[in-house]
């Protein structure tokens, strides 16, 4: 394969990956100190579960804080998540394994750390569990947050049939 074909294949693969992960919309930005550090609030609609929206918060460091701390390229791992039903629920083709499925990913450092949101279906309790955590290549992070959306008693449409 020539170089152009490899680049085209990589671009197509990237587009396919991005299509399966939700995009976030900034809905809030709260200043927390005089040097410009902020808490960002983003709304993330689950791409495979219509009618569920998660709000994810995280800390965004200012330029002054980055210069002061000497760690220019990394934001803290702290995050929080709350997910709720925001319309009629329609569940598409979701991963039903215990490891769940990635719904959202955002870089929190230049290359080493990501903020992830995964969806896990708890069949026994008929509940969607959303887990926010950070992933670092060098070491994992114990900072995490979960939110649940109970499906019991709700009118839920499963496009592939309820498992």
C-alpha atoms as a PDB file:
ATOM      1  CA  UNK A   1       0.000   0.000   0.000  1.00  0.00           C
ATOM      2  CA  UNK A   2       1.260   3.442  -0.786  1.00  0.00           C
ATOM      3  CA  UNK A   3       1.378   6.311   1.679  1.00  0.00           C
ATOM      4  CA  UNK A   4      -1.738   8.055   0.286  1.00  0.00           C
ATOM      5  CA  UNK A   5      -3.807   4.865   0.603  1.00  0.00           C
ATOM      6  CA  UNK A   6      -2.628   4.408   4.203  1.00  0.00           C
ATOM      7  CA  UNK A   7      -3.562   7.993   5.078  1.00  0.00           C
ATOM      8  CA  UNK A   8      -6.984   7.621   3.443  1.00  0.00           C
ATOM      9  CA  UNK A   9      -7.592   4.371   5.345  1.00  0.00           C
ATOM     10  CA  UNK A  10      -6.568   5.971   8.639  1.00  0.00           C
ATOM     11  CA  UNK A  11      -8.870   8.947   7.986  1.00  0.00           C
ATOM     12  CA  UNK A  12     -11.809   6.667   7.160  1.00  0.00           C
ATOM     13  CA  UNK A  13     -11.178   4.591  10.290  1.00  0.00           C
ATOM     14  CA  UNK A  14     -11.002   7.759  12.400  1.00  0.00           C
ATOM     15  CA  UNK A  15     -14.283   9.033  10.974  1.00  0.00           C
ATOM     16  CA  UNK A  16     -15.931   5.685  11.702  1.00  0.00           C
ATOM     17  CA  UNK A  17     -14.654   5.782  15.284  1.00  0.00           C
ATOM     18  CA  UNK A  18     -15.803   9.349  15.813  1.00  0.00           C
ATOM     19  CA  UNK A  19     -19.258   8.555  14.463  1.00  0.00           C
ATOM     20  CA  UNK A  20     -19.813   6.001  17.242  1.00  0.00           C
ATOM     21  CA  UNK A  21     -18.861   8.337  20.099  1.00  0.00           C
ATOM     22  CA  UNK A  22     -21.100  11.176  21.308  1.00  0.00           C
ATOM     23  CA  UNK A  23     -20.265  14.829  20.945  1.00  0.00           C
ATOM     24  CA  UNK A  24     -20.559  17.170  23.916  1.00  0.00           C
ATOM     25  CA  UNK A  25     -22.129  20.609  24.083  1.00  0.00           C
ATOM     26  CA  UNK A  26     -20.841  23.085  26.676  1.00  0.00           C
ATOM     27  CA  UNK A  27     -23.889  24.240  28.650  1.00  0.00           C
ATOM     28  CA  UNK A  28     -22.138  25.887  31.594  1.00  0.00           C
ATOM     29  CA  UNK A  29     -18.832  27.415  32.634  1.00  0.00           C
ATOM     30  CA  UNK A  30     -18.289  28.423  36.263  1.00  0.00           C
ATOM     31  CA  UNK A  31     -15.255  30.452  37.332  1.00  0.00           C
ATOM     32  CA  UNK A  32     -13.808  29.098  40.576  1.00  0.00           C
ATOM     33  CA  UNK A  33     -10.935  31.472  41.361  1.00  0.00           C
ATOM     34  CA  UNK A  34      -9.208  34.716  40.397  1.00  0.00           C
ATOM     35  CA  UNK A  35      -6.594  33.056  38.151  1.00  0.00           C
ATOM     36  CA  UNK A  36      -9.152  31.796  35.637  1.00  0.00           C
ATOM     37  CA  UNK A  37      -9.682  28.140  36.526  1.00  0.00           C
ATOM     38  CA  UNK A  38     -13.168  26.970  35.533  1.00  0.00           C
ATOM     39  CA  UNK A  39     -15.574  24.100  35.995  1.00  0.00           C
ATOM     40  CA  UNK A  40     -17.062  23.128  32.635  1.00  0.00           C
ATOM     41  CA  UNK A  41     -20.481  21.496  32.333  1.00  0.00           C
ATOM     42  CA  UNK A  42     -21.176  19.591  29.111  1.00  0.00           C
ATOM     43  CA  UNK A  43     -24.321  17.843  27.892  1.00  0.00           C
ATOM     44  CA  UNK A  44     -23.707  14.503  26.184  1.00  0.00           C
ATOM     45  CA  UNK A  45     -26.564  12.723  24.408  1.00  0.00           C
ATOM     46  CA  UNK A  46     -26.044   8.952  24.247  1.00  0.00           C
ATOM     47  CA  UNK A  47     -25.785   8.146  20.517  1.00  0.00           C
ATOM     48  CA  UNK A  48     -27.330   4.665  20.928  1.00  0.00           C
ATOM     49  CA  UNK A  49     -29.951   5.525  23.557  1.00  0.00           C
ATOM     50  CA  UNK A  50     -32.308   8.263  22.433  1.00  0.00           C
ATOM     51  CA  UNK A  51     -33.946  10.120  25.298  1.00  0.00           C
ATOM     52  CA  UNK A  52     -30.992   9.953  27.705  1.00  0.00           C
ATOM     53  CA  UNK A  53     -28.678  12.901  28.316  1.00  0.00           C
ATOM     54  CA  UNK A  54     -25.671  12.951  30.613  1.00  0.00           C
ATOM     55  CA  UNK A  55     -24.194  16.101  32.102  1.00  0.00           C
ATOM     56  CA  UNK A  56     -20.469  15.783  32.713  1.00  0.00           C
ATOM     57  CA  UNK A  57     -18.432  18.289  34.710  1.00  0.00           C
ATOM     58  CA  UNK A  58     -14.677  18.677  34.822  1.00  0.00           C
ATOM     59  CA  UNK A  59     -12.006  21.158  35.891  1.00  0.00           C
ATOM     60  CA  UNK A  60     -10.387  23.321  33.204  1.00  0.00           C
ATOM     61  CA  UNK A  61      -7.061  24.890  34.241  1.00  0.00           C
ATOM     62  CA  UNK A  62      -6.165  28.428  33.230  1.00  0.00           C
ATOM     63  CA  UNK A  63      -2.934  29.489  31.552  1.00  0.00           C
ATOM     64  CA  UNK A  64      -1.832  31.182  34.795  1.00  0.00           C
ATOM     65  CA  UNK A  65      -2.386  27.958  36.765  1.00  0.00           C
ATOM     66  CA  UNK A  66      -0.495  25.942  34.150  1.00  0.00           C
ATOM     67  CA  UNK A  67       2.481  28.306  34.344  1.00  0.00           C
ATOM     68  CA  UNK A  68       2.346  28.401  38.158  1.00  0.00           C
ATOM     69  CA  UNK A  69       2.178  24.587  38.556  1.00  0.00           C
ATOM     70  CA  UNK A  70       4.698  23.830  35.810  1.00  0.00           C
ATOM     71  CA  UNK A  71       2.492  21.085  34.377  1.00  0.00           C
ATOM     72  CA  UNK A  72       1.404  22.734  31.139  1.00  0.00           C
ATOM     73  CA  UNK A  73      -0.243  19.847  29.287  1.00  0.00           C
ATOM     74  CA  UNK A  74      -2.506  18.129  31.827  1.00  0.00           C
ATOM     75  CA  UNK A  75      -5.838  18.798  33.530  1.00  0.00           C
ATOM     76  CA  UNK A  76      -6.928  17.079  36.771  1.00  0.00           C
ATOM     77  CA  UNK A  77      -8.759  13.743  36.600  1.00  0.00           C
ATOM     78  CA  UNK A  78     -11.698  15.032  38.653  1.00  0.00           C
ATOM     79  CA  UNK A  79     -15.077  14.713  36.956  1.00  0.00           C
ATOM     80  CA  UNK A  80     -18.699  14.119  37.822  1.00  0.00           C
ATOM     81  CA  UNK A  81     -21.655  12.771  35.847  1.00  0.00           C
ATOM     82  CA  UNK A  82     -25.451  12.859  36.124  1.00  0.00           C
ATOM     83  CA  UNK A  83     -27.653  11.124  33.520  1.00  0.00           C
ATOM     84  CA  UNK A  84     -31.413  11.473  33.187  1.00  0.00           C
ATOM     85  CA  UNK A  85     -34.247  10.595  30.883  1.00  0.00           C
ATOM     86  CA  UNK A  86     -34.877  13.664  28.720  1.00  0.00           C
ATOM     87  CA  UNK A  87     -37.382  12.181  26.287  1.00  0.00           C
ATOM     88  CA  UNK A  88     -38.895   8.873  25.144  1.00  0.00           C
ATOM     89  CA  UNK A  89     -36.229   6.169  25.495  1.00  0.00           C
ATOM     90  CA  UNK A  90     -35.279   4.211  22.387  1.00  0.00           C
ATOM     91  CA  UNK A  91     -32.352   1.836  22.768  1.00  0.00           C
ATOM     92  CA  UNK A  92     -30.398   0.913  19.668  1.00  0.00           C
ATOM     93  CA  UNK A  93     -27.717  -1.717  19.237  1.00  0.00           C
ATOM     94  CA  UNK A  94     -25.829  -1.437  22.547  1.00  0.00           C
ATOM     95  CA  UNK A  95     -23.034  -3.561  23.962  1.00  0.00           C
ATOM     96  CA  UNK A  96     -24.548  -5.792  26.664  1.00  0.00           C
ATOM     97  CA  UNK A  97     -21.236  -7.092  28.062  1.00  0.00           C
ATOM     98  CA  UNK A  98     -20.094  -6.345  31.614  1.00  0.00           C
ATOM     99  CA  UNK A  99     -17.349  -4.095  30.207  1.00  0.00           C
ATOM    100  CA  UNK A 100     -19.959  -1.845  28.621  1.00  0.00           C
ATOM    101  CA  UNK A 101     -19.494   0.538  25.751  1.00  0.00           C
ATOM    102  CA  UNK A 102     -17.738   3.874  25.401  1.00  0.00           C
ATOM    103  CA  UNK A 103     -20.205   6.723  24.871  1.00  0.00           C
ATOM    104  CA  UNK A 104     -17.880   9.736  25.158  1.00  0.00           C
ATOM    105  CA  UNK A 105     -14.136  10.431  25.210  1.00  0.00           C
ATOM    106  CA  UNK A 106     -12.267  13.687  25.681  1.00  0.00           C
ATOM    107  CA  UNK A 107      -8.529  14.285  25.977  1.00  0.00           C
ATOM    108  CA  UNK A 108      -7.483  15.755  29.336  1.00  0.00           C
ATOM    109  CA  UNK A 109      -3.782  16.021  28.536  1.00  0.00           C
ATOM    110  CA  UNK A 110      -1.714  16.334  25.394  1.00  0.00           C
ATOM    111  CA  UNK A 111      -1.509  12.555  24.817  1.00  0.00           C
ATOM    112  CA  UNK A 112      -1.638  10.584  28.050  1.00  0.00           C
ATOM    113  CA  UNK A 113      -5.023  11.084  29.720  1.00  0.00           C
ATOM    114  CA  UNK A 114      -8.655  10.797  28.577  1.00  0.00           C
ATOM    115  CA  UNK A 115     -11.966  11.441  30.295  1.00  0.00           C
ATOM    116  CA  UNK A 116     -14.264   8.557  29.360  1.00  0.00           C
ATOM    117  CA  UNK A 117     -17.959   7.862  29.789  1.00  0.00           C
ATOM    118  CA  UNK A 118     -19.019   4.225  29.458  1.00  0.00           C
ATOM    119  CA  UNK A 119     -22.525   2.800  29.403  1.00  0.00           C
ATOM    120  CA  UNK A 120     -23.198  -0.551  31.078  1.00  0.00           C
ATOM    121  CA  UNK A 121     -26.565  -2.297  30.969  1.00  0.00           C
ATOM    122  CA  UNK A 122     -27.517  -3.870  34.303  1.00  0.00           C
ATOM    123  CA  UNK A 123     -29.970  -6.514  33.070  1.00  0.00           C
ATOM    124  CA  UNK A 124     -30.898  -7.786  36.538  1.00  0.00           C
ATOM    125  CA  UNK A 125     -32.083  -4.341  37.646  1.00  0.00           C
ATOM    126  CA  UNK A 126     -33.148  -3.125  34.168  1.00  0.00           C
ATOM    127  CA  UNK A 127     -30.952  -0.051  34.520  1.00  0.00           C
ATOM    128  CA  UNK A 128     -28.460   1.834  32.372  1.00  0.00           C
ATOM    129  CA  UNK A 129     -25.303   2.675  34.329  1.00  0.00           C
ATOM    130  CA  UNK A 130     -23.069   5.508  33.122  1.00  0.00           C
ATOM    131  CA  UNK A 131     -19.504   5.562  34.465  1.00  0.00           C
ATOM    132  CA  UNK A 132     -17.215   8.588  34.102  1.00  0.00           C
ATOM    133  CA  UNK A 133     -13.527   7.949  34.742  1.00  0.00           C
ATOM    134  CA  UNK A 134     -10.126   8.963  33.502  1.00  0.00           C
ATOM    135  CA  UNK A 135      -7.706   6.718  31.707  1.00  0.00           C
ATOM    136  CA  UNK A 136      -3.977   7.298  31.803  1.00  0.00           C
ATOM    137  CA  UNK A 137      -1.500   5.332  29.743  1.00  0.00           C
ATOM    138  CA  UNK A 138       1.097   5.243  32.522  1.00  0.00           C
ATOM    139  CA  UNK A 139      -1.196   4.696  35.512  1.00  0.00           C
ATOM    140  CA  UNK A 140      -4.936   4.368  35.991  1.00  0.00           C
ATOM    141  CA  UNK A 141      -6.957   6.831  37.999  1.00  0.00           C
ATOM    142  CA  UNK A 142      -9.198   5.887  40.890  1.00  0.00           C
ATOM    143  CA  UNK A 143     -11.304   9.010  40.407  1.00  0.00           C
ATOM    144  CA  UNK A 144     -14.690   8.048  39.016  1.00  0.00           C
ATOM    145  CA  UNK A 145     -18.355   8.908  39.155  1.00  0.00           C
ATOM    146  CA  UNK A 146     -21.505   6.985  38.201  1.00  0.00           C
ATOM    147  CA  UNK A 147     -25.087   7.781  37.355  1.00  0.00           C
ATOM    148  CA  UNK A 148     -27.975   5.460  36.596  1.00  0.00           C
ATOM    149  CA  UNK A 149     -31.099   5.645  34.454  1.00  0.00           C
ATOM    150  CA  UNK A 150     -33.676   3.085  35.645  1.00  0.00           C
ATOM    151  CA  UNK A 151     -35.738   1.531  32.861  1.00  0.00           C
ATOM    152  CA  UNK A 152     -38.128  -0.420  35.108  1.00  0.00           C
ATOM    153  CA  UNK A 153     -41.702   0.730  34.623  1.00  0.00           C
ATOM    154  CA  UNK A 154     -40.769   3.052  31.754  1.00  0.00           C
ATOM    155  CA  UNK A 155     -41.960   2.731  28.180  1.00  0.00           C
ATOM    156  CA  UNK A 156     -38.724   1.762  26.478  1.00  0.00           C
ATOM    157  CA  UNK A 157     -38.340   0.830  22.825  1.00  0.00           C
ATOM    158  CA  UNK A 158     -35.552  -1.655  22.056  1.00  0.00           C
ATOM    159  CA  UNK A 159     -34.851  -1.547  18.304  1.00  0.00           C
ATOM    160  CA  UNK A 160     -33.267  -5.005  18.397  1.00  0.00           C
ATOM    161  CA  UNK A 161     -35.624  -6.485  21.004  1.00  0.00           C
ATOM    162  CA  UNK A 162     -35.164  -6.420  24.767  1.00  0.00           C
ATOM    163  CA  UNK A 163     -32.396  -8.771  25.938  1.00  0.00           C
END
